[in-house]
């Protein structure tokens, strides 16, 4: 058509129209692009056309940012998205966690936070019961009981290795813990 009119499309891009669909839970969604469908032709993932709010598996509302990927579980609840605003939710252990706008949040099947980027410096417990202070603006990961699996340390800290020896870990570096709360890895 463009050639018939004597127009050149070199160096231009053609926008694709947004498309409306339904999630596995029956909620309406408008995808800007890249919709992924399940066998029932329901959207399980796509890039959001506009800012949108949906429910987590636990029933809390989450507002997700336009132009970013959203993922749904098989019941149509959000399993991950990029937060539109700063938001507070609960870890699997029931502790409150404040997550930073514009970053990805991941939920477990019960709607508790598996991981997010911390809004502020925060202290939580390791699987062994020790306190760990994690740095704002970095990702924190929780285990299925809501204890810290890994984060970026706020400052230098001492913990125990699996062999029972104490280890000093450097702040501003990653630390991870085993299921008993012993250091699995850190920068010394």
Foldseek 3Di string as FASTA:
>chain_A
DCVVVVHDCPPHDDQDDWDWFAALQGDIFTARDDFDADPVRHGFKGAGQAWDWFAALQGDIFIAHHRWMWGADNNGHTQKGAGQAWDWFAALQGDIFIAHHRWMWGADNNRHTQKGAGQAWDWFAALQGDIFIAHHRWMWGADNNRHTQKGAGQAWDWFAAPVGDIDIAGGRWMWGADNNRHTPDGHD
